[in-house]
Amino acid sequence: MRFEVLCIFPDMVKDAFQTGVTGRASGEGLISIDTVNIRDYSTNSYGSIDGYTYGGGAGMVMQCEPVYAAYCEALKRLDKKPGQVRVVYMTPVGHVFNQARAEEFAKEEELIFLCGHYEGIDERVIDEIVTDRISIGDYVLTGGEVSALVVMDAVSRLIPGVLHNDESAATESFGADGLLEYPQYTRPDVWHDKEVPKVLLSGDHLKVDQYRMREMRRVTREYRPDLYEEYMRKRGIN
């Protein structure tokens, strides 16, 4: 998987992918990340890439040409033509990101992320290059870099070999059943008078699987009733 990120704070993006699981995966060549600094494509002597919004209002808007030029640079690096790579624009007005969308993105060979700032980006260039408008939640951040990192992290861990244990991605929250993950325990067996559920110590794999499924339903019903209702609806249970 190759990520190209169009942004104005490239160090924020690069630094985040130098440590942990994604850092190791980058070192092993399973994923790669590069950035294009939109400021490098300013069309004026001041180096600015924004302007006042037409129609009035507070804040500034990122201009079309610097964004488009950065996009063209990313395509050049990927040896692709316009329209051949999905462009993900991080925006509060986008579809809310979820595990299903992460799995969809993970099937791509390359992804370009567009990170906005200020009051956003001129709609004309968004219409020109963007294929997916994505939000990570119903709130507003200072810029798109942080939200792009969230999406890239979620996508990266689905790339074969990144986790070193592909079963982890298959059995965790928001998997095929849409349920939350069951509680996890480790040594010691007793801590602060709290015991590990005895079934997990039994060695009976069938009983363990049954227990974990019950716990997944319980946890989802308790903490995310919306997901539990959807789970029940799909099974025709009222």
C-alpha atoms as a PDB file:
ATOM      1  CA  MET A   1       0.000   0.000   0.000  1.00  0.00           C
ATOM      2  CA  ARG A   2       1.296   3.428  -0.977  1.00  0.00           C
ATOM      3  CA  PHE A   3      -0.060   6.550   0.658  1.00  0.00           C
ATOM      4  CA  GLU A   4       0.422  10.035  -0.789  1.00  0.00           C
ATOM      5  CA  VAL A   5      -0.723  12.860   1.501  1.00  0.00           C
ATOM      6  CA  LEU A   6      -1.394  16.367   0.203  1.00  0.00           C
ATOM      7  CA  CYS A   7      -1.086  18.676   3.200  1.00  0.00           C
ATOM      8  CA  ILE A   8       0.611  21.751   4.679  1.00  0.00           C
ATOM      9  CA  PHE A   9       2.215  19.988   7.673  1.00  0.00           C
ATOM     10  CA  PRO A  10       4.117  17.050   6.143  1.00  0.00           C
ATOM     11  CA  ASP A  11       6.294  16.444   9.222  1.00  0.00           C
ATOM     12  CA  MET A  12       3.192  15.762  11.302  1.00  0.00           C
ATOM     13  CA  VAL A  13       2.270  12.944   8.946  1.00  0.00           C
ATOM     14  CA  LYS A  14       5.732  11.463   8.446  1.00  0.00           C
ATOM     15  CA  ASP A  15       6.650  11.466  12.141  1.00  0.00           C
ATOM     16  CA  ALA A  16       3.510   9.553  13.082  1.00  0.00           C
ATOM     17  CA  PHE A  17       4.424   6.695  10.742  1.00  0.00           C
ATOM     18  CA  GLN A  18       7.982   6.232  12.024  1.00  0.00           C
ATOM     19  CA  THR A  19       7.099   4.337  15.198  1.00  0.00           C
ATOM     20  CA  GLY A  20       5.047   1.355  16.349  1.00  0.00           C
ATOM     21  CA  VAL A  21       3.361  -1.117  14.036  1.00  0.00           C
ATOM     22  CA  THR A  22       3.199   1.280  11.101  1.00  0.00           C
ATOM     23  CA  GLY A  23       6.853   2.205  11.535  1.00  0.00           C
ATOM     24  CA  ARG A  24       7.885  -1.447  11.384  1.00  0.00           C
ATOM     25  CA  ALA A  25       5.590  -2.091   8.428  1.00  0.00           C
ATOM     26  CA  SER A  26       7.129   0.872   6.605  1.00  0.00           C
ATOM     27  CA  GLY A  27      10.598  -0.485   7.286  1.00  0.00           C
ATOM     28  CA  GLU A  28       9.596  -3.852   5.869  1.00  0.00           C
ATOM     29  CA  GLY A  29       8.143  -2.287   2.734  1.00  0.00           C
ATOM     30  CA  LEU A  30       4.578  -3.394   3.432  1.00  0.00           C
ATOM     31  CA  ILE A  31       3.363   0.198   3.372  1.00  0.00           C
ATOM     32  CA  SER A  32       4.929   3.446   2.242  1.00  0.00           C
ATOM     33  CA  ILE A  33       3.952   7.010   2.927  1.00  0.00           C
ATOM     34  CA  ASP A  34       5.024  10.202   1.231  1.00  0.00           C
ATOM     35  CA  THR A  35       3.777  13.758   1.432  1.00  0.00           C
ATOM     36  CA  VAL A  36       3.348  16.669  -0.918  1.00  0.00           C
ATOM     37  CA  ASN A  37       3.518  20.090   0.713  1.00  0.00           C
ATOM     38  CA  ILE A  38       0.757  22.139  -0.871  1.00  0.00           C
ATOM     39  CA  ARG A  39       2.593  25.342   0.110  1.00  0.00           C
ATOM     40  CA  ASP A  40       5.337  24.455  -2.376  1.00  0.00           C
ATOM     41  CA  TYR A  41       2.855  25.174  -5.157  1.00  0.00           C
ATOM     42  CA  SER A  42       1.808  28.667  -4.188  1.00  0.00           C
ATOM     43  CA  THR A  43       1.058  30.854  -7.189  1.00  0.00           C
ATOM     44  CA  ASN A  44       2.184  34.147  -5.638  1.00  0.00           C
ATOM     45  CA  SER A  45       5.371  35.705  -4.298  1.00  0.00           C
ATOM     46  CA  TYR A  46       4.104  35.571  -0.704  1.00  0.00           C
ATOM     47  CA  GLY A  47       3.930  31.795  -0.632  1.00  0.00           C
ATOM     48  CA  SER A  48       0.289  31.839   0.454  1.00  0.00           C
ATOM     49  CA  ILE A  49      -2.195  29.243  -0.734  1.00  0.00           C
ATOM     50  CA  ASP A  50      -5.439  30.692   0.611  1.00  0.00           C
ATOM     51  CA  GLY A  51      -7.788  33.575  -0.109  1.00  0.00           C
ATOM     52  CA  TYR A  52     -10.879  35.305   1.221  1.00  0.00           C
ATOM     53  CA  THR A  53     -14.102  33.441   0.652  1.00  0.00           C
ATOM     54  CA  TYR A  54     -16.422  34.806  -2.037  1.00  0.00           C
ATOM     55  CA  GLY A  55     -19.702  35.993  -0.585  1.00  0.00           C
ATOM     56  CA  GLY A  56     -18.100  37.088   2.671  1.00  0.00           C
ATOM     57  CA  GLY A  57     -17.666  35.281   5.940  1.00  0.00           C
ATOM     58  CA  ALA A  58     -14.953  34.502   8.461  1.00  0.00           C
ATOM     59  CA  GLY A  59     -11.781  32.628   7.629  1.00  0.00           C
ATOM     60  CA  MET A  60      -9.799  31.812   4.528  1.00  0.00           C
ATOM     61  CA  VAL A  61     -10.212  29.149   1.853  1.00  0.00           C
ATOM     62  CA  MET A  62      -7.458  27.077   0.244  1.00  0.00           C
ATOM     63  CA  GLN A  63      -7.083  27.888  -3.452  1.00  0.00           C
ATOM     64  CA  CYS A  64      -7.595  25.498  -6.351  1.00  0.00           C
ATOM     65  CA  GLU A  65      -4.295  25.701  -8.195  1.00  0.00           C
ATOM     66  CA  PRO A  66      -1.856  24.826  -5.358  1.00  0.00           C
ATOM     67  CA  VAL A  67      -4.028  21.843  -4.400  1.00  0.00           C
ATOM     68  CA  TYR A  68      -4.306  20.666  -7.989  1.00  0.00           C
ATOM     69  CA  ALA A  69      -0.563  21.038  -8.590  1.00  0.00           C
ATOM     70  CA  ALA A  70       0.158  18.989  -5.454  1.00  0.00           C
ATOM     71  CA  TYR A  71      -2.263  16.346  -6.725  1.00  0.00           C
ATOM     72  CA  CYS A  72      -0.459  16.219 -10.070  1.00  0.00           C
ATOM     73  CA  GLU A  73       2.861  15.759  -8.264  1.00  0.00           C
ATOM     74  CA  ALA A  74       1.442  12.811  -6.316  1.00  0.00           C
ATOM     75  CA  LEU A  75       0.171  11.236  -9.548  1.00  0.00           C
ATOM     76  CA  LYS A  76       3.605  11.689 -11.104  1.00  0.00           C
ATOM     77  CA  ARG A  77       5.236   9.857  -8.190  1.00  0.00           C
ATOM     78  CA  LEU A  78       2.725   7.036  -8.492  1.00  0.00           C
ATOM     79  CA  ASP A  79       3.058   6.961 -12.287  1.00  0.00           C
ATOM     80  CA  LYS A  80      -0.713   7.345 -12.619  1.00  0.00           C
ATOM     81  CA  LYS A  81      -3.104   9.505 -14.601  1.00  0.00           C
ATOM     82  CA  PRO A  82      -5.992  11.591 -13.233  1.00  0.00           C
ATOM     83  CA  GLY A  83      -8.838   9.340 -12.170  1.00  0.00           C
ATOM     84  CA  GLN A  84      -6.682   6.238 -11.695  1.00  0.00           C
ATOM     85  CA  VAL A  85      -6.163   6.673  -7.935  1.00  0.00           C
ATOM     86  CA  ARG A  86      -8.793   7.265  -5.268  1.00  0.00           C
ATOM     87  CA  VAL A  87      -8.440  10.651  -3.590  1.00  0.00           C
ATOM     88  CA  VAL A  88      -9.732  10.795  -0.019  1.00  0.00           C
ATOM     89  CA  TYR A  89     -10.651  14.260   1.214  1.00  0.00           C
ATOM     90  CA  MET A  90     -10.854  14.547   5.003  1.00  0.00           C
ATOM     91  CA  THR A  91     -13.856  16.758   5.759  1.00  0.00           C
ATOM     92  CA  PRO A  92     -16.592  17.066   8.424  1.00  0.00           C
ATOM     93  CA  VAL A  93     -19.206  16.841   5.656  1.00  0.00           C
ATOM     94  CA  GLY A  94     -17.958  13.443   4.467  1.00  0.00           C
ATOM     95  CA  HIS A  95     -19.257   9.939   5.113  1.00  0.00           C
ATOM     96  CA  VAL A  96     -18.350   8.806   8.627  1.00  0.00           C
ATOM     97  CA  PHE A  97     -15.400   6.415   8.478  1.00  0.00           C
ATOM     98  CA  ASN A  98     -15.924   2.864   9.710  1.00  0.00           C
ATOM     99  CA  GLN A  99     -14.335  -0.572   9.544  1.00  0.00           C
ATOM    100  CA  ALA A 100     -16.151  -1.498   6.350  1.00  0.00           C
ATOM    101  CA  ARG A 101     -14.675   1.557   4.612  1.00  0.00           C
ATOM    102  CA  ALA A 102     -11.220   0.672   6.003  1.00  0.00           C
ATOM    103  CA  GLU A 103     -11.525  -2.795   4.473  1.00  0.00           C
ATOM    104  CA  GLU A 104     -12.607  -1.244   1.180  1.00  0.00           C
ATOM    105  CA  PHE A 105      -9.631   1.127   1.100  1.00  0.00           C
ATOM    106  CA  ALA A 106      -7.223  -1.694   2.045  1.00  0.00           C
ATOM    107  CA  LYS A 107      -7.979  -3.374  -1.302  1.00  0.00           C
ATOM    108  CA  GLU A 108      -6.398  -0.456  -3.172  1.00  0.00           C
ATOM    109  CA  GLU A 109      -2.719  -0.369  -4.149  1.00  0.00           C
ATOM    110  CA  GLU A 110      -2.461   3.404  -3.686  1.00  0.00           C
ATOM    111  CA  LEU A 111      -4.455   6.096  -1.944  1.00  0.00           C
ATOM    112  CA  ILE A 112      -4.092   9.879  -2.059  1.00  0.00           C
ATOM    113  CA  PHE A 113      -5.262  11.869   0.961  1.00  0.00           C
ATOM    114  CA  LEU A 114      -6.181  15.541   0.744  1.00  0.00           C
ATOM    115  CA  CYS A 115      -5.956  17.457   4.025  1.00  0.00           C
ATOM    116  CA  GLY A 116      -7.710  20.798   4.282  1.00  0.00           C
ATOM    117  CA  HIS A 117      -7.197  23.744   6.638  1.00  0.00           C
ATOM    118  CA  TYR A 118      -8.754  27.116   7.446  1.00  0.00           C
ATOM    119  CA  GLU A 119     -12.391  27.188   6.270  1.00  0.00           C
ATOM    120  CA  GLY A 120     -11.758  24.406   3.799  1.00  0.00           C
ATOM    121  CA  ILE A 121     -10.824  24.061   0.137  1.00  0.00           C
ATOM    122  CA  ASP A 122     -12.320  25.695  -2.949  1.00  0.00           C
ATOM    123  CA  GLU A 123     -15.149  23.378  -4.014  1.00  0.00           C
ATOM    124  CA  ARG A 124     -14.085  23.411  -7.648  1.00  0.00           C
ATOM    125  CA  VAL A 125     -10.864  21.485  -7.111  1.00  0.00           C
ATOM    126  CA  ILE A 126     -12.635  19.094  -4.754  1.00  0.00           C
ATOM    127  CA  ASP A 127     -15.119  18.315  -7.518  1.00  0.00           C
ATOM    128  CA  GLU A 128     -12.226  17.927  -9.942  1.00  0.00           C
ATOM    129  CA  ILE A 129     -10.064  15.397  -8.079  1.00  0.00           C
ATOM    130  CA  VAL A 130     -11.798  13.926  -5.015  1.00  0.00           C
ATOM    131  CA  THR A 131     -13.418  10.478  -5.150  1.00  0.00           C
ATOM    132  CA  ASP A 132     -14.214   9.991  -1.442  1.00  0.00           C
ATOM    133  CA  ARG A 133     -15.223  12.549   1.185  1.00  0.00           C
ATOM    134  CA  ILE A 134     -14.521  11.068   4.608  1.00  0.00           C
ATOM    135  CA  SER A 135     -15.111  12.239   8.187  1.00  0.00           C
ATOM    136  CA  ILE A 136     -13.838  10.491  11.325  1.00  0.00           C
ATOM    137  CA  GLY A 137     -16.635  11.883  13.491  1.00  0.00           C
ATOM    138  CA  ASP A 138     -19.102  14.641  14.152  1.00  0.00           C
ATOM    139  CA  TYR A 139     -16.632  17.278  15.314  1.00  0.00           C
ATOM    140  CA  VAL A 140     -14.193  19.729  13.739  1.00  0.00           C
ATOM    141  CA  LEU A 141     -10.389  19.564  13.898  1.00  0.00           C
ATOM    142  CA  THR A 142      -7.816  22.244  13.106  1.00  0.00           C
ATOM    143  CA  GLY A 143      -6.716  20.376   9.980  1.00  0.00           C
ATOM    144  CA  GLY A 144      -7.013  17.175   7.989  1.00  0.00           C
ATOM    145  CA  GLU A 145      -3.645  15.647   8.856  1.00  0.00           C
ATOM    146  CA  VAL A 146      -4.786  14.096  12.140  1.00  0.00           C
ATOM    147  CA  SER A 147      -7.912  12.579  10.632  1.00  0.00           C
ATOM    148  CA  ALA A 148      -5.951  11.268   7.641  1.00  0.00           C
ATOM    149  CA  LEU A 149      -3.570   9.537  10.046  1.00  0.00           C
ATOM    150  CA  VAL A 150      -6.527   7.821  11.727  1.00  0.00           C
ATOM    151  CA  VAL A 151      -7.749   6.461   8.409  1.00  0.00           C
ATOM    152  CA  MET A 152      -4.289   5.405   7.243  1.00  0.00           C
ATOM    153  CA  ASP A 153      -3.629   3.605  10.528  1.00  0.00           C
ATOM    154  CA  ALA A 154      -6.916   1.693  10.282  1.00  0.00           C
ATOM    155  CA  VAL A 155      -6.199   0.760   6.661  1.00  0.00           C
ATOM    156  CA  SER A 156      -2.556  -0.169   7.264  1.00  0.00           C
ATOM    157  CA  ARG A 157      -3.303  -2.784   9.913  1.00  0.00           C
ATOM    158  CA  LEU A 158      -5.497  -4.622   7.380  1.00  0.00           C
ATOM    159  CA  ILE A 159      -2.620  -5.062   4.929  1.00  0.00           C
ATOM    160  CA  PRO A 160      -1.422  -8.704   5.084  1.00  0.00           C
ATOM    161  CA  GLY A 161       1.704  -9.037   7.228  1.00  0.00           C
ATOM    162  CA  VAL A 162       1.413  -5.681   8.997  1.00  0.00           C
ATOM    163  CA  LEU A 163       0.079  -7.139  12.257  1.00  0.00           C
ATOM    164  CA  HIS A 164       2.186 -10.339  12.087  1.00  0.00           C
ATOM    165  CA  ASN A 165      -1.051 -12.031  13.174  1.00  0.00           C
ATOM    166  CA  ASP A 166      -3.789 -11.618  10.594  1.00  0.00           C
ATOM    167  CA  GLU A 167      -6.265 -13.375  12.900  1.00  0.00           C
ATOM    168  CA  SER A 168      -6.197 -10.276  15.140  1.00  0.00           C
ATOM    169  CA  ALA A 169      -7.793  -8.163  12.415  1.00  0.00           C
ATOM    170  CA  ALA A 170     -10.401 -10.845  11.730  1.00  0.00           C
ATOM    171  CA  THR A 171     -11.652 -11.286  15.309  1.00  0.00           C
ATOM    172  CA  GLU A 172     -11.652  -7.759  16.731  1.00  0.00           C
ATOM    173  CA  SER A 173     -14.365  -5.126  17.056  1.00  0.00           C
ATOM    174  CA  PHE A 174     -16.503  -4.260  14.011  1.00  0.00           C
ATOM    175  CA  GLY A 175     -15.650  -7.580  12.333  1.00  0.00           C
ATOM    176  CA  ALA A 176     -17.928  -9.647  10.121  1.00  0.00           C
ATOM    177  CA  ASP A 177     -20.701  -9.797  12.740  1.00  0.00           C
ATOM    178  CA  GLY A 178     -20.539  -6.061  13.440  1.00  0.00           C
ATOM    179  CA  LEU A 179     -20.124  -6.731  17.167  1.00  0.00           C
ATOM    180  CA  LEU A 180     -17.623  -5.243  19.598  1.00  0.00           C
ATOM    181  CA  GLU A 181     -14.743  -7.394  20.774  1.00  0.00           C
ATOM    182  CA  TYR A 182     -15.010  -9.539  23.899  1.00  0.00           C
ATOM    183  CA  PRO A 183     -13.031  -8.588  27.064  1.00  0.00           C
ATOM    184  CA  GLN A 184      -9.406  -9.764  27.207  1.00  0.00           C
ATOM    185  CA  TYR A 185      -7.433 -11.127  30.184  1.00  0.00           C
ATOM    186  CA  THR A 186      -3.862 -12.164  30.942  1.00  0.00           C
ATOM    187  CA  ARG A 187      -1.725 -13.229  33.940  1.00  0.00           C
ATOM    188  CA  PRO A 188      -2.101 -13.273  36.896  1.00  0.00           C
ATOM    189  CA  ASP A 189      -5.277 -15.354  37.311  1.00  0.00           C
ATOM    190  CA  VAL A 190      -6.350 -13.161  40.241  1.00  0.00           C
ATOM    191  CA  TRP A 191      -5.723  -9.417  40.565  1.00  0.00           C
ATOM    192  CA  HIS A 192      -7.227  -7.200  43.285  1.00  0.00           C
ATOM    193  CA  ASP A 193      -9.556 -10.110  44.156  1.00  0.00           C
ATOM    194  CA  LYS A 194     -10.845 -10.147  40.570  1.00  0.00           C
ATOM    195  CA  GLU A 195     -10.574 -13.526  38.849  1.00  0.00           C
ATOM    196  CA  VAL A 196     -10.186 -14.384  35.201  1.00  0.00           C
ATOM    197  CA  PRO A 197     -13.401 -16.124  34.044  1.00  0.00           C
ATOM    198  CA  LYS A 198     -12.875 -19.834  34.705  1.00  0.00           C
ATOM    199  CA  VAL A 199     -14.016 -20.882  31.247  1.00  0.00           C
ATOM    200  CA  LEU A 200     -10.940 -19.177  29.782  1.00  0.00           C
ATOM    201  CA  LEU A 201      -8.736 -21.422  31.913  1.00  0.00           C
ATOM    202  CA  SER A 202     -10.616 -24.612  31.053  1.00  0.00           C
ATOM    203  CA  GLY A 203      -8.813 -25.509  27.839  1.00  0.00           C
ATOM    204  CA  ASP A 204     -12.182 -26.283  26.223  1.00  0.00           C
ATOM    205  CA  HIS A 205     -12.010 -24.315  22.985  1.00  0.00           C
ATOM    206  CA  LEU A 206     -15.668 -24.814  22.117  1.00  0.00           C
ATOM    207  CA  LYS A 207     -16.801 -23.428  25.472  1.00  0.00           C
ATOM    208  CA  VAL A 208     -14.320 -20.548  25.148  1.00  0.00           C
ATOM    209  CA  ASP A 209     -15.709 -19.651  21.714  1.00  0.00           C
ATOM    210  CA  GLN A 210     -19.274 -19.788  23.018  1.00  0.00           C
ATOM    211  CA  TYR A 211     -18.366 -17.639  26.019  1.00  0.00           C
ATOM    212  CA  ARG A 212     -16.649 -15.049  23.834  1.00  0.00           C
ATOM    213  CA  MET A 213     -19.625 -14.803  21.493  1.00  0.00           C
ATOM    214  CA  ARG A 214     -21.927 -14.224  24.467  1.00  0.00           C
ATOM    215  CA  GLU A 215     -19.593 -11.530  25.732  1.00  0.00           C
ATOM    216  CA  MET A 216     -19.432  -9.847  22.330  1.00  0.00           C
ATOM    217  CA  ARG A 217     -23.210  -9.623  22.319  1.00  0.00           C
ATOM    218  CA  ARG A 218     -23.315  -8.369  25.907  1.00  0.00           C
ATOM    219  CA  VAL A 219     -20.633  -5.712  25.402  1.00  0.00           C
ATOM    220  CA  THR A 220     -22.227  -4.477  22.182  1.00  0.00           C
ATOM    221  CA  ARG A 221     -25.705  -4.372  23.732  1.00  0.00           C
ATOM    222  CA  GLU A 222     -24.395  -2.451  26.756  1.00  0.00           C
ATOM    223  CA  TYR A 223     -22.030   0.034  25.116  1.00  0.00           C
ATOM    224  CA  ARG A 224     -23.288   0.349  21.536  1.00  0.00           C
ATOM    225  CA  PRO A 225     -27.005  -0.460  21.443  1.00  0.00           C
ATOM    226  CA  ASP A 226     -27.180   0.986  17.935  1.00  0.00           C
ATOM    227  CA  LEU A 227     -24.784  -1.672  16.659  1.00  0.00           C
ATOM    228  CA  TYR A 228     -26.596  -4.373  18.611  1.00  0.00           C
ATOM    229  CA  GLU A 229     -29.939  -3.388  17.102  1.00  0.00           C
ATOM    230  CA  GLU A 230     -28.410  -3.587  13.626  1.00  0.00           C
ATOM    231  CA  TYR A 231     -26.904  -6.988  14.452  1.00  0.00           C
ATOM    232  CA  MET A 232     -30.315  -8.281  15.582  1.00  0.00           C
ATOM    233  CA  ARG A 233     -32.109  -6.717  12.612  1.00  0.00           C
ATOM    234  CA  LYS A 234     -29.850  -8.484  10.113  1.00  0.00           C
ATOM    235  CA  ARG A 235     -30.780 -11.777  11.755  1.00  0.00           C
ATOM    236  CA  GLY A 236     -34.481 -11.026  11.654  1.00  0.00           C
ATOM    237  CA  ILE A 237     -34.755 -10.843  15.462  1.00  0.00           C
ATOM    238  CA  ASN A 238     -36.975  -8.173  16.996  1.00  0.00           C
END
